Amino acid sequence: MVLAIMLHAITPHLPSLLEFCSAYWQSSPEDICIDSILASRAGDVPDGYVPRPSLDSSFAKYVANADVRYVVSVGPRGCGKSVGIVAAAQNHAGVISITFSGDKDASDVYNRVLAKVCPGFLAPGALVDERFLKDLFGKAITSWKQQGGQGFWVPTIIAELDRGSTDGVVVDVAKAIKRLGSDTKSCRAVLVLGDAHAAFALPKDDDRIELLWVDDFTYSEAHLFLDKADFFLTSKDSASKAQREDVFHRIGTRAARLERMVAKVHDQVELDYFVRNVTDDARDILVRLTKPDLSMKSPSAEDMKHLVFELLDSPSSTVLASTLPGVLSKPNEVAPLLKKYHAVLYHYPSKTYRFYSPAYYHAAVEMFGSSRDEPKKANAIPSVWVQVVDKKGNEVGDITQLELSSEANVDKLREAVLLKMSKQLSHYDANQLRVFAAGANLKTDKPLQPDKLVSSDTTYSKPLIIVAPGK
């Protein structure tokens, strides 16, 4: 009975159903692959996406439009390169996005492209060259026009190289997509570099490379980003907005950093700690940048210190590479150190060096003063962040910042903690509190001794751990 009802229901639709099945069964693997190319789309933009009109228009004119040049998107880590190209490609068909990482991916770029849109199309071990893809993309273009496509269109390949990619991978992938996009003009090729300094590895091909630099958010874009995230400081209140902009001045407006701040910061105490921690991390990297590196013959630590002083002396905190002496005038020779320690950035459009973010400028001022003629005073008051935990490692109260006298030691620190956190630690005296280094393993590490906390110019980059043994 049920079967009879079902047959009665589908009988009127049998001709169209049979026609669809017949068409599908008669489709060749190539036809299915072409349909898959046309159906490929860029991924979705993330929640909280902030439109950036200037950047979006720069990317948009290159998507789906063949040209002799291939596009390379470059800029510091986390500035929004990937999101920018995805946003520009939202309304286009035939957008094929692939991420490359590690040497194993560089030799089979074309296979990776085909596998992304036509999985299982190739027999195991088969190799694809640019002529095969040119022919396939040409048929996709013809199919697009037959389906009513207007104007000019080609598929777009977005090849993203993550920040762990070696110079060899950058070269191999760049050459492969150059042949496919610039030489055959069968697609638009966009190369997204994971890091600003990866561009030093690109083949020397100025006539075929269109370099698009992606900068950090403007202040207005950063405000919009924080508004969309419901950050606890609002832009509607002038005092809170000014406080936001002080944070931008201190640590910058890089999208990834603001995203991390939104995730970690929910009140003023956490914000103060976050800003301090970003500056301290920058300071740690600057210390390594300006200390001798036995693995690097050139540039030397003195070269890098000279560069930092030049940046501090410059009113704009930028220095034209060609005006610097010796190896510093050759950014490609400085690049290995810039890649190793992300404290200084080479800005391709202006051919200048600059700090990687404002946090590095402020860290440099703390280390050296505002210029080489104003060294940091030796009697500066040190500060330390502390986190109190119980003997099981559970946090007690909030992370707290303390300023210490120039004669501070572990005993003085314990007394200061009791004074600062009198309510939470009312049951203890100073002798009950044990002080561990930041990141210590409470089961195996020994507490710090009184003479281990005496440096008058110390600014600790992580909170020390104060252990209260429990009631």
Protein backbone atom coordinates (compact mmCIF):
# COMPACT_ATOMS: atom_id res chain seq x y z
CA MET A 1 0.00 0.00 0.00
CA VAL A 2 2.79 2.41 1.01
CA LEU A 3 4.75 1.57 -2.13
CA ALA A 4 1.70 2.29 -4.28
CA ILE A 5 1.26 5.71 -2.65
CA MET A 6 4.95 6.55 -3.23
CA LEU A 7 4.78 5.52 -6.90
CA HIS A 8 1.66 7.61 -7.38
CA ALA A 9 3.42 10.61 -5.85
CA ILE A 10 6.55 10.48 -8.00
CA THR A 11 4.99 9.41 -11.31
CA PRO A 12 4.34 12.98 -12.56
CA HIS A 13 8.02 13.82 -11.96
CA LEU A 14 9.53 10.73 -13.52
CA PRO A 15 10.38 12.33 -16.93
CA SER A 16 12.40 15.17 -15.40
CA LEU A 17 14.01 12.84 -12.85
CA LEU A 18 15.02 10.40 -15.57
CA GLU A 19 16.35 13.27 -17.69
CA PHE A 20 18.50 14.50 -14.76
CA CYS A 21 19.84 11.02 -14.03
CA SER A 22 20.57 10.41 -17.71
CA ALA A 23 22.43 13.71 -18.00
CA TYR A 24 24.43 12.96 -14.85
CA TRP A 25 25.34 9.43 -15.96
CA GLN A 26 26.38 10.73 -19.36
CA SER A 27 28.60 13.48 -17.87
CA SER A 28 32.27 12.78 -18.35
CA PRO A 29 34.72 13.21 -15.44
CA GLU A 30 35.96 16.32 -17.23
CA ASP A 31 32.44 17.81 -17.38
CA ILE A 32 31.98 17.17 -13.68
CA CYS A 33 35.35 18.79 -13.02
CA ILE A 34 34.41 21.89 -15.04
CA ASP A 35 31.14 22.20 -13.11
CA SER A 36 33.13 21.93 -9.88
CA ILE A 37 35.44 24.76 -10.98
CA LEU A 38 32.45 27.00 -11.72
CA ALA A 39 30.91 26.13 -8.35
CA SER A 40 34.08 26.91 -6.35
CA ARG A 41 33.77 29.94 -4.10
CA ALA A 42 35.95 31.82 -1.67
CA GLY A 43 35.36 31.02 1.99
CA ASP A 44 33.17 33.16 4.21
CA VAL A 45 34.55 36.28 5.85
CA PRO A 46 34.87 35.86 9.62
CA ASP A 47 32.37 37.20 12.13
CA GLY A 48 33.14 40.80 12.93
CA TYR A 49 34.64 41.45 9.50
CA VAL A 50 35.50 45.12 9.04
CA PRO A 51 35.18 46.45 5.47
CA ARG A 52 38.33 48.25 4.34
CA PRO A 53 37.30 50.14 1.18
CA SER A 54 40.80 50.98 -0.04
CA LEU A 55 42.11 47.44 0.47
CA ASP A 56 38.95 45.78 -0.83
CA SER A 57 39.01 47.80 -4.06
CA SER A 58 42.70 47.02 -4.57
CA PHE A 59 42.01 43.29 -4.38
CA ALA A 60 38.69 43.39 -6.26
CA LYS A 61 40.12 44.64 -9.55
CA TYR A 62 42.38 41.58 -9.79
CA VAL A 63 39.87 38.81 -9.01
CA ALA A 64 38.57 36.88 -12.07
CA ASN A 65 40.50 39.13 -14.45
CA ALA A 66 43.43 37.69 -16.42
CA ASP A 67 46.55 39.82 -16.78
CA VAL A 68 50.22 39.44 -17.54
CA ARG A 69 50.99 40.16 -13.90
CA TYR A 70 50.35 37.86 -10.97
CA VAL A 71 49.39 39.42 -7.67
CA VAL A 72 51.40 39.02 -4.46
CA SER A 73 49.74 40.14 -1.23
CA VAL A 74 52.36 41.02 1.38
CA GLY A 75 52.35 42.58 4.83
CA PRO A 76 53.11 41.74 8.46
CA ARG A 77 51.63 38.66 10.10
CA GLY A 78 48.03 39.04 11.15
CA CYS A 79 47.29 42.27 9.28
CA GLY A 80 44.32 40.88 7.29
CA LYS A 81 45.80 39.77 3.95
CA SER A 82 43.80 36.54 3.74
CA VAL A 83 40.54 38.13 4.85
CA GLY A 84 41.02 40.95 2.35
CA ILE A 85 41.28 38.71 -0.71
CA VAL A 86 38.44 36.45 0.50
CA ALA A 87 36.19 39.50 0.94
CA ALA A 88 37.06 40.77 -2.55
CA ALA A 89 36.26 37.38 -4.09
CA GLN A 90 32.89 36.85 -2.36
CA ASN A 91 30.70 37.43 -5.42
CA HIS A 92 32.85 35.58 -7.96
CA ALA A 93 32.62 32.06 -9.33
CA GLY A 94 35.60 29.81 -9.82
CA VAL A 95 37.69 30.87 -6.81
CA ILE A 96 40.09 28.09 -5.84
CA SER A 97 41.86 28.62 -2.49
CA ILE A 98 44.81 26.47 -1.43
CA THR A 99 47.22 26.77 1.49
CA PHE A 100 50.81 25.62 1.06
CA SER A 101 53.12 24.77 3.94
CA GLY A 102 56.33 22.78 3.93
CA ASP A 103 58.62 21.60 1.15
CA LYS A 104 56.43 18.65 0.22
CA ASP A 105 53.73 20.92 -1.20
CA ALA A 106 55.89 23.02 -3.52
CA SER A 107 56.59 20.42 -6.21
CA ASP A 108 52.96 19.52 -6.92
CA VAL A 109 51.21 22.89 -7.15
CA TYR A 110 49.18 21.89 -10.21
CA ASN A 111 48.19 18.57 -8.70
CA ARG A 112 47.02 20.40 -5.58
CA VAL A 113 44.93 22.81 -7.68
CA LEU A 114 43.24 19.97 -9.56
CA ALA A 115 42.73 17.88 -6.43
CA LYS A 116 41.01 20.83 -4.72
CA VAL A 117 38.26 21.11 -7.35
CA CYS A 118 38.25 17.58 -8.78
CA PRO A 119 39.19 15.08 -6.06
CA GLY A 120 39.76 11.63 -7.50
CA PHE A 121 40.09 12.92 -11.06
CA LEU A 122 43.73 11.84 -11.37
CA ALA A 123 45.03 8.30 -11.20
CA PRO A 124 47.52 7.73 -8.36
CA GLY A 125 50.98 8.97 -9.35
CA ALA A 126 49.73 11.01 -12.32
CA LEU A 127 51.21 14.49 -12.73
CA VAL A 128 49.58 17.65 -14.05
CA ASP A 129 51.30 20.49 -15.91
CA GLU A 130 50.19 24.01 -16.75
CA ARG A 131 49.06 23.00 -20.26
CA PHE A 132 46.54 20.54 -18.83
CA LEU A 133 45.12 23.16 -16.44
CA LYS A 134 45.13 25.81 -19.18
CA ASP A 135 42.97 23.54 -21.32
CA LEU A 136 40.67 22.69 -18.42
CA PHE A 137 40.27 26.35 -17.40
CA GLY A 138 39.62 27.28 -21.04
CA LYS A 139 36.72 24.83 -21.13
CA ALA A 140 35.43 26.23 -17.85
CA ILE A 141 35.47 29.74 -19.38
CA THR A 142 33.50 28.45 -22.40
CA SER A 143 30.99 26.74 -20.11
CA TRP A 144 30.60 29.91 -18.03
CA LYS A 145 29.74 31.90 -21.15
CA GLN A 146 27.29 29.21 -22.34
CA GLN A 147 25.52 29.45 -18.98
CA GLY A 148 24.90 33.16 -19.49
CA GLY A 149 28.02 34.67 -17.97
CA GLN A 150 28.49 38.31 -19.00
CA GLY A 151 31.72 40.21 -19.63
CA PHE A 152 35.19 38.76 -19.12
CA TRP A 153 35.90 36.05 -16.57
CA VAL A 154 38.62 33.55 -15.68
CA PRO A 155 39.02 31.27 -12.64
CA THR A 156 41.00 32.71 -9.72
CA ILE A 157 43.61 30.75 -7.79
CA ILE A 158 44.45 32.02 -4.30
CA ALA A 159 47.67 30.34 -3.18
CA GLU A 160 48.36 31.10 0.47
CA LEU A 161 51.76 30.39 1.98
CA ASP A 162 51.71 30.07 5.74
CA ARG A 163 54.41 31.69 7.84
CA GLY A 164 56.33 28.44 8.23
CA SER A 165 57.03 28.15 4.49
CA THR A 166 60.69 28.07 3.50
CA ASP A 167 62.23 30.33 0.87
CA GLY A 168 62.30 27.32 -1.46
CA VAL A 169 58.54 26.85 -1.16
CA VAL A 170 57.96 30.56 -1.85
CA VAL A 171 60.08 30.35 -5.02
CA ASP A 172 58.52 27.13 -6.31
CA VAL A 173 54.91 28.15 -5.71
CA ALA A 174 55.49 31.65 -7.12
CA LYS A 175 57.04 30.24 -10.31
CA ALA A 176 54.24 27.70 -10.74
CA ILE A 177 51.38 30.18 -10.40
CA LYS A 178 53.29 32.68 -12.54
CA ARG A 179 53.36 30.17 -15.40
CA LEU A 180 49.69 29.41 -14.97
CA GLY A 181 48.48 32.98 -14.55
CA SER A 182 50.96 35.23 -16.36
CA ASP A 183 52.19 32.93 -19.11
CA THR A 184 48.97 31.12 -20.09
CA LYS A 185 46.55 33.84 -18.89
CA SER A 186 44.03 31.09 -18.25
CA CYS A 187 43.39 32.24 -14.69
CA ARG A 188 44.13 35.00 -12.24
CA ALA A 189 46.83 33.95 -9.79
CA VAL A 190 47.02 35.57 -6.33
CA LEU A 191 49.85 34.67 -3.97
CA VAL A 192 49.30 35.52 -0.28
CA LEU A 193 52.52 35.53 1.75
CA GLY A 194 52.32 34.63 5.43
CA ASP A 195 54.88 37.22 6.46
CA ALA A 196 56.19 40.53 5.14
CA HIS A 197 59.76 39.32 4.87
CA ALA A 198 58.82 36.26 2.79
CA ALA A 199 58.76 38.61 -0.22
CA PHE A 200 62.56 38.65 -0.19
CA ALA A 201 62.40 35.08 -1.54
CA LEU A 202 60.27 35.97 -4.56
CA PRO A 203 61.85 35.53 -8.02
CA LYS A 204 63.21 38.76 -9.50
CA ASP A 205 60.38 39.44 -11.93
CA ASP A 206 59.25 43.05 -11.46
CA ASP A 207 57.50 43.15 -14.84
CA ARG A 208 55.16 40.31 -13.87
CA ILE A 209 54.64 40.82 -10.13
CA GLU A 210 51.97 43.18 -8.79
CA LEU A 211 52.91 43.67 -5.14
CA LEU A 212 49.98 44.70 -2.92
CA TRP A 213 51.01 45.82 0.55
CA VAL A 214 48.45 45.30 3.33
CA ASP A 215 48.78 47.58 6.33
CA ASP A 216 47.27 47.48 9.81
CA PHE A 217 43.83 48.87 10.60
CA THR A 218 43.38 52.61 10.61
CA TYR A 219 42.16 53.94 13.96
CA SER A 220 38.58 54.17 12.61
CA GLU A 221 38.75 50.55 11.36
CA ALA A 222 40.16 49.44 14.71
CA HIS A 223 37.33 51.20 16.55
CA LEU A 224 34.77 49.49 14.32
CA PHE A 225 36.42 46.11 14.95
CA LEU A 226 36.24 46.59 18.73
CA ASP A 227 32.65 47.89 18.50
CA LYS A 228 31.57 44.76 16.63
CA ALA A 229 33.26 42.64 19.31
CA ASP A 230 31.48 44.55 22.14
CA PHE A 231 34.80 45.45 23.74
CA PHE A 232 34.35 46.74 27.28
CA LEU A 233 35.70 50.19 26.34
CA THR A 234 33.17 51.81 24.03
CA SER A 235 33.81 54.29 21.24
CA LYS A 236 30.59 56.15 22.11
CA ASP A 237 32.12 57.61 25.27
CA SER A 238 34.87 60.15 24.57
CA ALA A 239 36.99 59.12 27.56
CA SER A 240 36.79 55.42 26.69
CA LYS A 241 37.50 56.18 23.04
CA ALA A 242 40.59 58.17 24.04
CA GLN A 243 41.71 55.26 26.20
CA ARG A 244 41.29 52.91 23.26
CA GLU A 245 43.46 55.18 21.13
CA ASP A 246 46.12 55.23 23.82
CA VAL A 247 46.14 51.42 23.53
CA PHE A 248 46.45 51.71 19.73
CA HIS A 249 49.37 54.11 20.26
CA ARG A 250 51.07 51.63 22.59
CA ILE A 251 50.58 48.30 20.80
CA GLY A 252 49.23 49.16 17.33
CA THR A 253 46.08 48.22 15.40
CA ARG A 254 47.04 44.90 13.85
CA ALA A 255 43.92 42.79 13.37
CA ALA A 256 45.30 39.61 14.93
CA ARG A 257 46.51 41.46 18.03
CA LEU A 258 43.18 43.22 18.54
CA GLU A 259 41.41 39.89 18.09
CA ARG A 260 43.60 38.38 20.82
CA MET A 261 42.96 41.40 23.05
CA VAL A 262 39.19 41.00 22.66
CA ALA A 263 39.47 37.33 23.66
CA LYS A 264 41.64 37.95 26.73
CA VAL A 265 40.64 41.38 28.05
CA HIS A 266 37.37 42.10 29.86
CA ASP A 267 38.26 44.85 32.34
CA GLN A 268 40.84 47.53 33.07
CA VAL A 269 43.17 45.30 35.07
CA GLU A 270 43.36 42.75 32.27
CA LEU A 271 43.86 45.53 29.72
CA ASP A 272 46.79 47.03 31.65
CA TYR A 273 48.37 43.61 31.95
CA PHE A 274 47.83 42.83 28.26
CA VAL A 275 49.45 46.08 27.07
CA ARG A 276 52.36 45.63 29.46
CA ASN A 277 52.84 42.04 28.41
CA VAL A 278 52.86 42.93 24.68
CA THR A 279 55.54 45.57 25.32
CA ASP A 280 57.59 43.17 27.44
CA ASP A 281 57.43 40.49 24.75
CA ALA A 282 58.62 43.10 22.25
CA ARG A 283 61.44 44.04 24.59
CA ASP A 284 62.54 40.40 24.85
CA ILE A 285 62.74 40.16 21.04
CA LEU A 286 64.63 43.45 20.77
CA VAL A 287 67.15 42.17 23.30
CA ARG A 288 67.79 39.11 21.14
CA LEU A 289 67.95 41.23 17.97
CA THR A 290 70.65 43.51 19.40
CA LYS A 291 72.76 40.79 21.02
CA PRO A 292 75.47 38.89 19.11
CA ASP A 293 74.07 36.00 17.09
CA LEU A 294 76.81 33.47 16.40
CA SER A 295 74.79 31.93 13.57
CA MET A 296 74.81 35.26 11.67
CA LYS A 297 78.06 36.76 10.36
CA SER A 298 76.29 39.82 9.00
CA PRO A 299 74.54 42.00 9.96
CA SER A 300 76.12 42.20 13.40
CA ALA A 301 74.48 43.06 16.69
CA GLU A 302 76.05 46.51 16.44
CA ASP A 303 74.51 46.95 12.98
CA MET A 304 71.07 46.15 14.36
CA LYS A 305 71.54 48.39 17.38
CA HIS A 306 72.55 51.18 14.99
CA LEU A 307 69.34 50.60 13.03
CA VAL A 308 67.24 50.75 16.22
CA PHE A 309 68.90 54.04 17.20
CA GLU A 310 68.26 55.45 13.73
CA LEU A 311 64.57 54.54 14.06
CA LEU A 312 64.42 56.17 17.49
CA ASP A 313 66.08 59.32 16.14
CA SER A 314 63.65 59.60 13.20
CA PRO A 315 60.55 61.76 13.87
CA SER A 316 58.47 59.31 11.82
CA SER A 317 60.24 56.20 13.19
CA THR A 318 61.10 55.21 9.61
CA VAL A 319 64.49 55.16 7.89
CA LEU A 320 65.17 54.94 4.16
CA ALA A 321 67.39 51.90 3.64
CA SER A 322 69.54 53.63 1.01
CA THR A 323 70.63 56.27 3.56
CA LEU A 324 72.14 53.73 5.97
CA PRO A 325 75.77 52.58 6.00
CA GLY A 326 77.16 49.19 5.05
CA VAL A 327 75.00 46.11 5.11
CA LEU A 328 71.96 48.03 6.40
CA SER A 329 71.61 49.66 2.98
CA LYS A 330 70.98 46.18 1.51
CA PRO A 331 67.64 44.93 2.91
CA ASN A 332 67.98 41.54 1.22
CA GLU A 333 71.12 40.90 3.30
CA VAL A 334 69.41 42.06 6.49
CA ALA A 335 66.31 39.95 5.72
CA PRO A 336 67.47 36.70 7.41
CA LEU A 337 67.74 38.52 10.75
CA LEU A 338 64.44 40.35 10.21
CA LYS A 339 62.77 36.97 9.59
CA LYS A 340 64.34 35.48 12.72
CA TYR A 341 63.45 38.34 15.06
CA HIS A 342 60.26 40.18 14.12
CA ALA A 343 61.15 43.49 15.73
CA VAL A 344 61.97 45.58 12.66
CA LEU A 345 60.04 45.55 9.39
CA TYR A 346 61.12 46.40 5.85
CA HIS A 347 58.30 48.30 4.16
CA TYR A 348 58.48 47.55 0.44
CA PRO A 349 56.38 50.42 -0.96
CA SER A 350 58.49 53.12 0.73
CA LYS A 351 61.76 51.14 0.86
CA THR A 352 62.10 52.01 4.53
CA TYR A 353 62.77 50.20 7.77
CA ARG A 354 60.30 50.67 10.62
CA PHE A 355 59.43 48.98 13.89
CA TYR A 356 57.27 45.88 13.45
CA SER A 357 54.62 47.51 15.63
CA PRO A 358 54.41 50.46 18.05
CA ALA A 359 55.09 48.04 20.91
CA TYR A 360 58.66 47.67 19.64
CA TYR A 361 59.13 51.44 19.57
CA HIS A 362 58.01 51.75 23.19
CA ALA A 363 60.13 48.77 24.19
CA ALA A 364 63.14 50.38 22.50
CA VAL A 365 62.53 53.63 24.38
CA GLU A 366 62.47 51.67 27.65
CA MET A 367 65.72 49.95 26.71
CA PHE A 368 67.71 52.81 25.17
CA GLY A 369 65.85 56.05 25.79
CA SER A 370 64.20 58.08 23.06
CA SER A 371 67.48 58.33 21.12
CA ARG A 372 71.11 57.23 21.27
CA ASP A 373 71.86 60.49 23.13
CA GLU A 374 69.39 59.70 25.92
CA PRO A 375 70.30 56.30 27.36
CA LYS A 376 67.97 54.59 29.79
CA LYS A 377 68.69 55.64 33.38
CA ALA A 378 70.17 52.93 35.54
CA ASN A 379 68.02 53.81 38.58
CA ALA A 380 64.66 53.32 36.86
CA ILE A 381 62.00 51.77 39.11
CA PRO A 382 61.41 48.13 38.16
CA SER A 383 57.94 46.64 38.01
CA VAL A 384 56.70 43.09 38.27
CA TRP A 385 53.42 41.31 37.61
CA VAL A 386 52.45 38.60 40.06
CA GLN A 387 49.79 35.91 40.07
CA VAL A 388 48.93 34.30 43.39
CA VAL A 389 47.90 30.63 43.29
CA ASP A 390 47.15 28.02 45.92
CA LYS A 391 49.32 24.95 46.36
CA LYS A 392 47.31 23.13 43.68
CA GLY A 393 47.93 25.89 41.13
CA ASN A 394 44.45 27.47 41.29
CA GLU A 395 44.47 31.26 40.82
CA VAL A 396 43.75 33.46 43.83
CA GLY A 397 42.60 36.96 42.83
CA ASP A 398 43.66 38.89 39.73
CA ILE A 399 47.05 39.35 38.14
CA THR A 400 48.58 42.31 39.97
CA GLN A 401 51.32 44.78 39.02
CA LEU A 402 53.75 45.97 41.69
CA GLU A 403 56.42 48.65 41.55
CA LEU A 404 59.51 47.66 43.50
CA SER A 405 62.26 49.69 45.09
CA SER A 406 65.77 49.48 43.65
CA GLU A 407 66.71 47.21 46.58
CA ALA A 408 63.82 44.82 46.09
CA ASN A 409 64.31 41.12 46.77
CA VAL A 410 62.02 38.15 47.27
CA ASP A 411 61.29 39.01 50.93
CA LYS A 412 60.31 42.58 49.98
CA LEU A 413 58.14 41.24 47.17
CA ARG A 414 56.22 38.96 49.54
CA GLU A 415 55.55 41.86 51.88
CA ALA A 416 54.35 44.00 48.95
CA VAL A 417 52.01 41.23 47.77
CA LEU A 418 50.43 40.92 51.23
CA LEU A 419 49.93 44.68 51.38
CA LYS A 420 48.46 44.91 47.87
CA MET A 421 46.19 41.87 48.26
CA SER A 422 45.28 42.21 51.95
CA LYS A 423 41.72 40.93 51.52
CA GLN A 424 42.53 37.79 49.54
CA LEU A 425 45.58 36.93 51.68
CA SER A 426 44.43 38.02 55.13
CA HIS A 427 45.21 34.57 56.59
CA TYR A 428 48.89 34.56 55.68
CA ASP A 429 52.11 36.22 56.66
CA ALA A 430 55.04 36.90 54.32
CA ASN A 431 56.96 33.80 55.39
CA GLN A 432 54.14 31.56 54.18
CA LEU A 433 54.30 32.83 50.60
CA ARG A 434 56.71 31.12 48.22
CA VAL A 435 57.88 32.94 45.08
CA PHE A 436 58.42 31.00 41.84
CA ALA A 437 59.70 32.23 38.49
CA ALA A 438 57.26 32.81 35.65
CA GLY A 439 56.15 29.55 34.06
CA ALA A 440 57.57 27.47 36.90
CA ASN A 441 56.57 23.85 37.47
CA LEU A 442 55.28 23.92 41.03
CA LYS A 443 56.00 20.20 41.51
CA THR A 444 59.66 20.24 40.48
CA ASP A 445 61.00 23.83 40.50
CA LYS A 446 62.41 25.42 43.62
CA PRO A 447 61.19 28.78 44.93
CA LEU A 448 63.31 31.85 44.23
CA GLN A 449 65.70 32.86 46.98
CA PRO A 450 65.93 36.39 48.49
CA ASP A 451 68.98 37.37 46.40
CA LYS A 452 67.35 36.40 43.10
CA LEU A 453 65.27 39.57 42.68
CA VAL A 454 67.63 42.52 42.87
CA SER A 455 68.05 44.09 39.39
CA SER A 456 67.05 47.76 39.50
CA ASP A 457 66.17 47.97 35.79
CA THR A 458 64.25 44.72 35.51
CA THR A 459 60.84 44.62 33.88
CA TYR A 460 59.58 41.05 33.99
CA SER A 461 57.92 39.88 30.79
CA LYS A 462 55.70 37.29 32.53
CA PRO A 463 54.03 37.30 35.97
CA LEU A 464 55.96 35.70 38.79
CA ILE A 465 54.01 33.05 40.67
CA ILE A 466 53.29 33.59 44.35
CA VAL A 467 52.14 30.39 46.05
CA ALA A 468 49.93 30.62 49.15
CA PRO A 469 50.03 27.19 50.82
CA GLY A 470 46.32 27.08 51.76
CA LYS A 471 44.36 27.39 54.97
